[in-house]
């Protein structure tokens, strides 16, 4: 599978404040990018623009899989672990996985395997409302990796993780990023160093 993700001169304004202005980059399968900058510089906004869940005021984002342009948002090609995505806290982890992947046994199995790898094997039958912040983050990362996306978007992936969780994330990211286009928005220099390219905001 070949993947290409292009961001062409995108800009975004909220009221009178221009948060993102004229950002462009292009990534191919196996390439990784970090979005860095100070708090409030627009990292999460740029990631949301990349996800297709937020429309730019100008410019375009385009995702190509095996030469065909595919939707960035609302399809099977993009997965994210980010605060702008919400889980059903009154459902169990397994029930959330079933909602995400429907009738796809392969993606369900992959996601469960990543949950187990992140230490959640005995927690899958519990409601997410009973999870700690760190456990929710482990679940969110498991769901993103398990979705086997063409485009993987991660916002502060190490947030709420202990050292063991951060080590597991780095290990899995190194394995998974070789197979797709991956973007991390982060203030953590260790996470930024996982990526070969960088867009610095602010």
Protein backbone atom coordinates (compact mmCIF):
# COMPACT_ATOMS: atom_id res chain seq x y z
CA UNK A 1 0.00 0.00 0.00
CA UNK A 2 1.28 3.47 -0.90
CA UNK A 3 0.19 6.53 1.03
CA UNK A 4 0.69 10.24 0.39
CA UNK A 5 -0.63 13.09 2.53
CA UNK A 6 -0.41 16.67 1.28
CA UNK A 7 -1.13 19.89 3.14
CA UNK A 8 -1.19 22.85 0.79
CA UNK A 9 -1.05 26.41 2.13
CA UNK A 10 -3.73 25.95 4.80
CA UNK A 11 -4.80 28.79 7.07
CA UNK A 12 -7.30 29.05 9.91
CA UNK A 13 -8.67 32.05 11.76
CA UNK A 14 -10.83 32.19 14.88
CA UNK A 15 -12.52 35.58 14.96
CA UNK A 16 -9.79 38.16 14.44
CA UNK A 17 -7.00 35.81 15.44
CA UNK A 18 -5.15 33.93 12.70
CA UNK A 19 -3.95 30.70 14.32
CA UNK A 20 -2.59 28.84 11.28
CA UNK A 21 -1.20 30.68 8.28
CA UNK A 22 0.15 29.27 5.03
CA UNK A 23 1.30 25.84 6.27
CA UNK A 24 2.39 23.33 3.62
CA UNK A 25 4.07 19.93 3.79
CA UNK A 26 3.98 16.55 2.06
CA UNK A 27 4.52 13.08 3.54
CA UNK A 28 4.76 9.65 1.99
CA UNK A 29 4.36 6.15 3.47
CA UNK A 30 6.71 5.58 6.35
CA UNK A 31 7.41 9.28 6.91
CA UNK A 32 6.78 10.96 10.26
CA UNK A 33 6.23 14.61 11.21
CA UNK A 34 6.15 16.41 14.55
CA UNK A 35 4.15 19.60 15.06
CA UNK A 36 5.86 21.59 17.79
CA UNK A 37 5.54 25.02 19.37
CA UNK A 38 4.59 26.79 22.57
CA UNK A 39 1.21 26.38 24.25
CA UNK A 40 -1.43 28.20 22.22
CA UNK A 41 0.64 28.22 19.04
CA UNK A 42 -1.94 26.11 17.17
CA UNK A 43 -0.56 22.55 17.35
CA UNK A 44 -3.90 20.92 18.12
CA UNK A 45 -5.66 23.17 15.60
CA UNK A 46 -3.27 22.05 12.86
CA UNK A 47 -3.79 18.41 13.83
CA UNK A 48 -7.58 18.88 13.67
CA UNK A 49 -7.18 20.44 10.22
CA UNK A 50 -5.12 17.41 9.17
CA UNK A 51 -7.86 15.12 10.47
CA UNK A 52 -10.51 16.79 8.33
CA UNK A 53 -12.66 17.47 11.40
CA UNK A 54 -11.90 21.20 11.11
CA UNK A 55 -12.14 23.04 7.80
CA UNK A 56 -9.36 25.44 6.80
CA UNK A 57 -10.32 28.96 5.73
CA UNK A 58 -8.02 28.48 2.76
CA UNK A 59 -5.81 25.73 1.36
CA UNK A 60 -6.33 21.98 1.09
CA UNK A 61 -5.49 18.67 2.75
CA UNK A 62 -5.36 15.62 0.48
CA UNK A 63 -4.85 11.95 1.26
CA UNK A 64 -3.99 9.45 -1.47
CA UNK A 65 -3.96 5.67 -0.99
CA UNK A 66 -2.58 3.57 -3.83
CA UNK A 67 -2.89 6.61 -6.08
CA UNK A 68 -6.58 7.28 -5.34
CA UNK A 69 -7.72 10.31 -3.38
CA UNK A 70 -9.71 9.20 -0.33
CA UNK A 71 -11.63 11.11 2.37
CA UNK A 72 -9.48 12.26 5.28
CA UNK A 73 -12.38 12.40 7.74
CA UNK A 74 -15.20 9.96 8.34
CA UNK A 75 -13.58 6.95 6.72
CA UNK A 76 -11.33 4.04 7.51
CA UNK A 77 -8.12 5.72 6.38
CA UNK A 78 -7.51 8.09 9.32
CA UNK A 79 -7.20 7.36 13.04
CA UNK A 80 -6.31 9.68 15.90
CA UNK A 81 -5.63 9.72 19.60
CA UNK A 82 -6.42 13.25 20.69
CA UNK A 83 -8.43 15.21 23.26
CA UNK A 84 -10.83 16.38 20.53
CA UNK A 85 -12.06 12.78 20.23
CA UNK A 86 -14.44 11.52 22.89
CA UNK A 87 -15.13 7.96 24.02
CA UNK A 88 -18.35 6.57 25.43
CA UNK A 89 -17.45 6.63 29.10
CA UNK A 90 -20.53 4.65 30.17
CA UNK A 91 -19.58 1.76 27.88
CA UNK A 92 -16.85 -0.78 28.46
CA UNK A 93 -13.64 -0.79 26.48
CA UNK A 94 -14.85 -3.83 24.54
CA UNK A 95 -18.16 -2.09 23.73
CA UNK A 96 -16.28 0.97 22.50
CA UNK A 97 -14.10 -1.25 20.29
CA UNK A 98 -17.20 -2.90 18.85
CA UNK A 99 -18.67 0.52 18.03
CA UNK A 100 -15.45 1.63 16.32
CA UNK A 101 -14.93 -1.43 14.18
CA UNK A 102 -18.41 -2.88 13.68
CA UNK A 103 -18.21 -6.18 11.87
CA UNK A 104 -14.46 -6.12 11.17
CA UNK A 105 -12.96 -8.96 13.24
CA UNK A 106 -9.40 -8.18 12.14
CA UNK A 107 -9.44 -4.60 13.45
CA UNK A 108 -11.24 -5.66 16.63
CA UNK A 109 -8.58 -8.27 17.28
CA UNK A 110 -5.74 -5.81 16.53
CA UNK A 111 -7.18 -3.23 18.93
CA UNK A 112 -7.68 -5.77 21.70
CA UNK A 113 -4.10 -7.00 21.21
CA UNK A 114 -2.79 -3.45 21.60
CA UNK A 115 -4.93 -2.93 24.69
CA UNK A 116 -3.40 -6.07 26.16
CA UNK A 117 0.08 -4.89 25.21
CA UNK A 118 -0.61 -1.61 26.99
CA UNK A 119 -1.55 -3.53 30.14
CA UNK A 120 -5.35 -3.32 29.86
CA UNK A 121 -6.09 -7.03 29.47
CA UNK A 122 -7.96 -7.25 32.77
CA UNK A 123 -9.70 -3.89 32.28
CA UNK A 124 -11.46 -4.48 28.95
CA UNK A 125 -14.78 -5.39 30.59
CA UNK A 126 -14.86 -2.21 32.70
CA UNK A 127 -16.57 1.05 31.75
CA UNK A 128 -14.19 3.77 30.66
CA UNK A 129 -15.61 6.00 33.40
CA UNK A 130 -13.77 3.72 35.86
CA UNK A 131 -10.44 4.23 34.07
CA UNK A 132 -7.74 6.56 35.31
CA UNK A 133 -6.48 9.26 32.91
CA UNK A 134 -3.46 7.12 32.12
CA UNK A 135 -5.62 4.08 31.35
CA UNK A 136 -7.85 6.15 29.05
CA UNK A 137 -4.75 7.34 27.20
CA UNK A 138 -3.50 3.76 26.84
CA UNK A 139 -6.89 2.80 25.44
CA UNK A 140 -6.96 5.75 23.02
CA UNK A 141 -3.51 4.86 21.68
CA UNK A 142 -4.50 1.20 21.37
CA UNK A 143 -7.60 2.18 19.40
CA UNK A 144 -5.57 4.40 17.05
CA UNK A 145 -2.85 1.82 16.42
CA UNK A 146 -5.39 -0.98 16.15
CA UNK A 147 -7.33 0.82 13.43
CA UNK A 148 -4.48 0.21 10.97
CA UNK A 149 -4.92 3.64 9.34
CA UNK A 150 -3.16 5.16 6.36
CA UNK A 151 -2.87 8.43 8.32
CA UNK A 152 -2.12 8.31 12.07
CA UNK A 153 -2.59 11.51 14.09
CA UNK A 154 -1.47 11.78 17.73
CA UNK A 155 -1.91 14.79 20.01
CA UNK A 156 0.46 14.75 23.02
CA UNK A 157 0.52 10.93 23.04
CA UNK A 158 2.58 10.71 26.22
CA UNK A 159 0.12 12.78 28.25
CA UNK A 160 -0.93 11.01 31.48
CA UNK A 161 1.36 8.03 30.77
CA UNK A 162 3.86 6.77 33.32
CA UNK A 163 7.38 5.86 32.22
CA UNK A 164 6.36 2.31 31.36
CA UNK A 165 3.50 3.61 29.20
CA UNK A 166 5.75 6.11 27.43
CA UNK A 167 8.29 3.39 26.71
CA UNK A 168 5.57 1.14 25.29
CA UNK A 169 4.26 3.97 23.14
CA UNK A 170 7.68 4.69 21.65
CA UNK A 171 8.23 1.00 20.92
CA UNK A 172 4.88 0.57 19.20
CA UNK A 173 5.12 3.87 17.33
CA UNK A 174 8.46 2.80 15.86
CA UNK A 175 6.85 -0.41 14.61
CA UNK A 176 3.63 1.11 13.29
CA UNK A 177 4.95 4.35 11.76
CA UNK A 178 6.98 2.44 9.18
CA UNK A 179 3.73 1.35 7.53
CA UNK A 180 1.86 4.65 7.21
CA UNK A 181 2.04 8.45 7.42
CA UNK A 182 2.24 9.57 11.08
CA UNK A 183 1.97 13.03 12.66
CA UNK A 184 2.55 13.89 16.33
CA UNK A 185 1.62 17.23 17.89
CA UNK A 186 3.78 17.59 20.97
CA UNK A 187 5.74 19.74 23.39
CA UNK A 188 7.83 16.74 24.43
CA UNK A 189 11.28 16.77 22.85
CA UNK A 190 11.57 12.97 23.15
CA UNK A 191 8.36 12.54 21.15
CA UNK A 192 9.49 15.09 18.58
CA UNK A 193 12.72 13.15 18.09
CA UNK A 194 10.68 10.12 17.04
CA UNK A 195 9.84 12.00 13.83
CA UNK A 196 12.07 12.77 10.87
CA UNK A 197 10.35 16.05 9.87
CA UNK A 198 9.10 18.98 11.90
CA UNK A 199 6.68 21.88 11.55
CA UNK A 200 7.31 24.45 14.27
CA UNK A 201 4.57 26.92 15.04
CA UNK A 202 4.76 30.29 16.78
